[in-house]
């Protein structure tokens, strides 16, 4: 990953319609499983 900051990197792509448009990577570029929870 180019210019990686911190421990994890989150990439979100348009049209932001579902979790399929979100990717989370660790410092080595490995995809991390993620889950979106409800607020509250």
N, C-alpha and C. Protein backbone atom coordinates (compact mmCIF):
# COMPACT_ATOMS: atom_id res chain seq x y z
N UNK A 1 0.84 -1.17 0.00
CA UNK A 1 0.00 0.00 0.00
C UNK A 1 0.90 1.25 0.00
N UNK A 2 0.55 2.17 -0.80
CA UNK A 2 1.33 3.39 -0.92
C UNK A 2 0.92 4.39 0.16
N UNK A 3 1.90 4.89 0.91
CA UNK A 3 1.66 5.90 1.96
C UNK A 3 0.60 5.45 2.97
N UNK A 4 0.80 4.30 3.50
CA UNK A 4 -0.13 3.74 4.48
C UNK A 4 0.10 4.40 5.83
N UNK A 5 -0.97 4.79 6.51
CA UNK A 5 -0.88 5.41 7.83
C UNK A 5 -1.62 4.54 8.83
N UNK A 6 -1.09 4.39 10.03
CA UNK A 6 -1.79 3.64 11.07
C UNK A 6 -1.74 2.14 10.89
N UNK A 7 -2.73 1.45 11.47
CA UNK A 7 -2.77 -0.01 11.44
C UNK A 7 -3.68 -0.56 10.37
N UNK A 8 -4.76 0.14 10.06
CA UNK A 8 -5.73 -0.32 9.08
C UNK A 8 -6.04 0.79 8.09
N UNK A 9 -6.41 0.38 6.88
CA UNK A 9 -6.82 1.35 5.88
C UNK A 9 -8.21 0.97 5.39
N UNK A 10 -9.11 1.93 5.34
CA UNK A 10 -10.48 1.70 4.87
C UNK A 10 -10.66 2.43 3.54
N UNK A 11 -11.13 1.69 2.53
CA UNK A 11 -11.39 2.27 1.23
C UNK A 11 -12.87 2.12 0.94
N UNK A 12 -13.53 3.23 0.62
CA UNK A 12 -14.96 3.23 0.31
C UNK A 12 -15.12 3.76 -1.11
N UNK A 13 -15.94 3.05 -1.92
CA UNK A 13 -16.11 3.44 -3.31
C UNK A 13 -17.56 3.81 -3.61
N UNK A 14 -17.72 4.79 -4.47
CA UNK A 14 -19.03 5.21 -4.94
C UNK A 14 -19.70 4.02 -5.62
N UNK A 15 -20.96 3.74 -5.40
CA UNK A 15 -22.04 4.59 -4.95
C UNK A 15 -22.39 4.42 -3.47
N UNK A 16 -21.54 3.79 -2.69
CA UNK A 16 -21.74 3.62 -1.25
C UNK A 16 -23.07 2.96 -0.91
N UNK A 17 -23.54 2.05 -1.74
CA UNK A 17 -24.87 1.45 -1.58
C UNK A 17 -24.91 0.27 -0.62
N UNK A 18 -23.77 -0.38 -0.40
CA UNK A 18 -23.77 -1.56 0.48
C UNK A 18 -22.37 -1.81 1.01
N UNK A 19 -22.26 -2.82 1.85
CA UNK A 19 -20.95 -3.19 2.41
C UNK A 19 -19.98 -3.66 1.33
N UNK A 20 -20.49 -4.05 0.17
CA UNK A 20 -19.62 -4.50 -0.94
C UNK A 20 -18.74 -3.36 -1.46
N UNK A 21 -19.10 -2.12 -1.13
CA UNK A 21 -18.34 -0.97 -1.60
C UNK A 21 -17.32 -0.49 -0.57
N UNK A 22 -17.09 -1.30 0.46
CA UNK A 22 -16.13 -0.96 1.52
C UNK A 22 -15.09 -2.07 1.61
N UNK A 23 -13.82 -1.70 1.66
CA UNK A 23 -12.74 -2.66 1.84
C UNK A 23 -11.84 -2.17 2.97
N UNK A 24 -11.39 -3.10 3.80
CA UNK A 24 -10.50 -2.78 4.91
C UNK A 24 -9.26 -3.64 4.77
N UNK A 25 -8.08 -3.01 4.85
CA UNK A 25 -6.81 -3.70 4.67
C UNK A 25 -5.91 -3.49 5.88
N UNK A 26 -5.07 -4.47 6.16
CA UNK A 26 -4.07 -4.30 7.20
C UNK A 26 -2.82 -3.67 6.59
N UNK A 27 -1.81 -3.47 7.39
CA UNK A 27 -0.59 -2.79 6.96
C UNK A 27 0.12 -3.51 5.82
N UNK A 28 -0.05 -4.84 5.73
CA UNK A 28 0.60 -5.63 4.69
C UNK A 28 -0.24 -5.74 3.42
N UNK A 29 -1.42 -5.12 3.41
CA UNK A 29 -2.27 -5.16 2.24
C UNK A 29 -3.24 -6.32 2.21
N UNK A 30 -3.31 -7.07 3.31
CA UNK A 30 -4.26 -8.18 3.40
C UNK A 30 -5.66 -7.65 3.70
N UNK A 31 -6.64 -8.20 3.02
CA UNK A 31 -8.03 -7.81 3.23
C UNK A 31 -8.49 -8.29 4.60
N UNK A 32 -9.15 -7.40 5.35
CA UNK A 32 -9.67 -7.72 6.68
C UNK A 32 -11.19 -7.79 6.58
N UNK A 33 -11.76 -8.86 7.13
CA UNK A 33 -13.22 -8.96 7.15
C UNK A 33 -13.77 -7.87 8.06
N UNK A 34 -14.88 -7.26 7.65
CA UNK A 34 -15.48 -6.19 8.43
C UNK A 34 -16.99 -6.39 8.48
N UNK A 35 -17.59 -5.73 9.43
CA UNK A 35 -19.04 -5.81 9.61
C UNK A 35 -19.55 -4.43 9.97
N UNK A 36 -20.69 -4.06 9.39
CA UNK A 36 -21.31 -2.77 9.67
C UNK A 36 -22.43 -3.02 10.67
N UNK A 37 -22.37 -2.33 11.80
CA UNK A 37 -23.38 -2.50 12.84
C UNK A 37 -24.36 -1.33 12.85
N UNK A 38 -25.50 -1.55 13.49
CA UNK A 38 -26.48 -0.49 13.62
C UNK A 38 -26.10 0.43 14.75
N UNK A 39 -26.41 1.70 14.62
CA UNK A 39 -26.13 2.69 15.64
C UNK A 39 -27.14 2.57 16.78
N UNK A 40 -26.65 2.61 18.01
CA UNK A 40 -27.56 2.66 19.12
C UNK A 40 -27.56 1.47 19.93
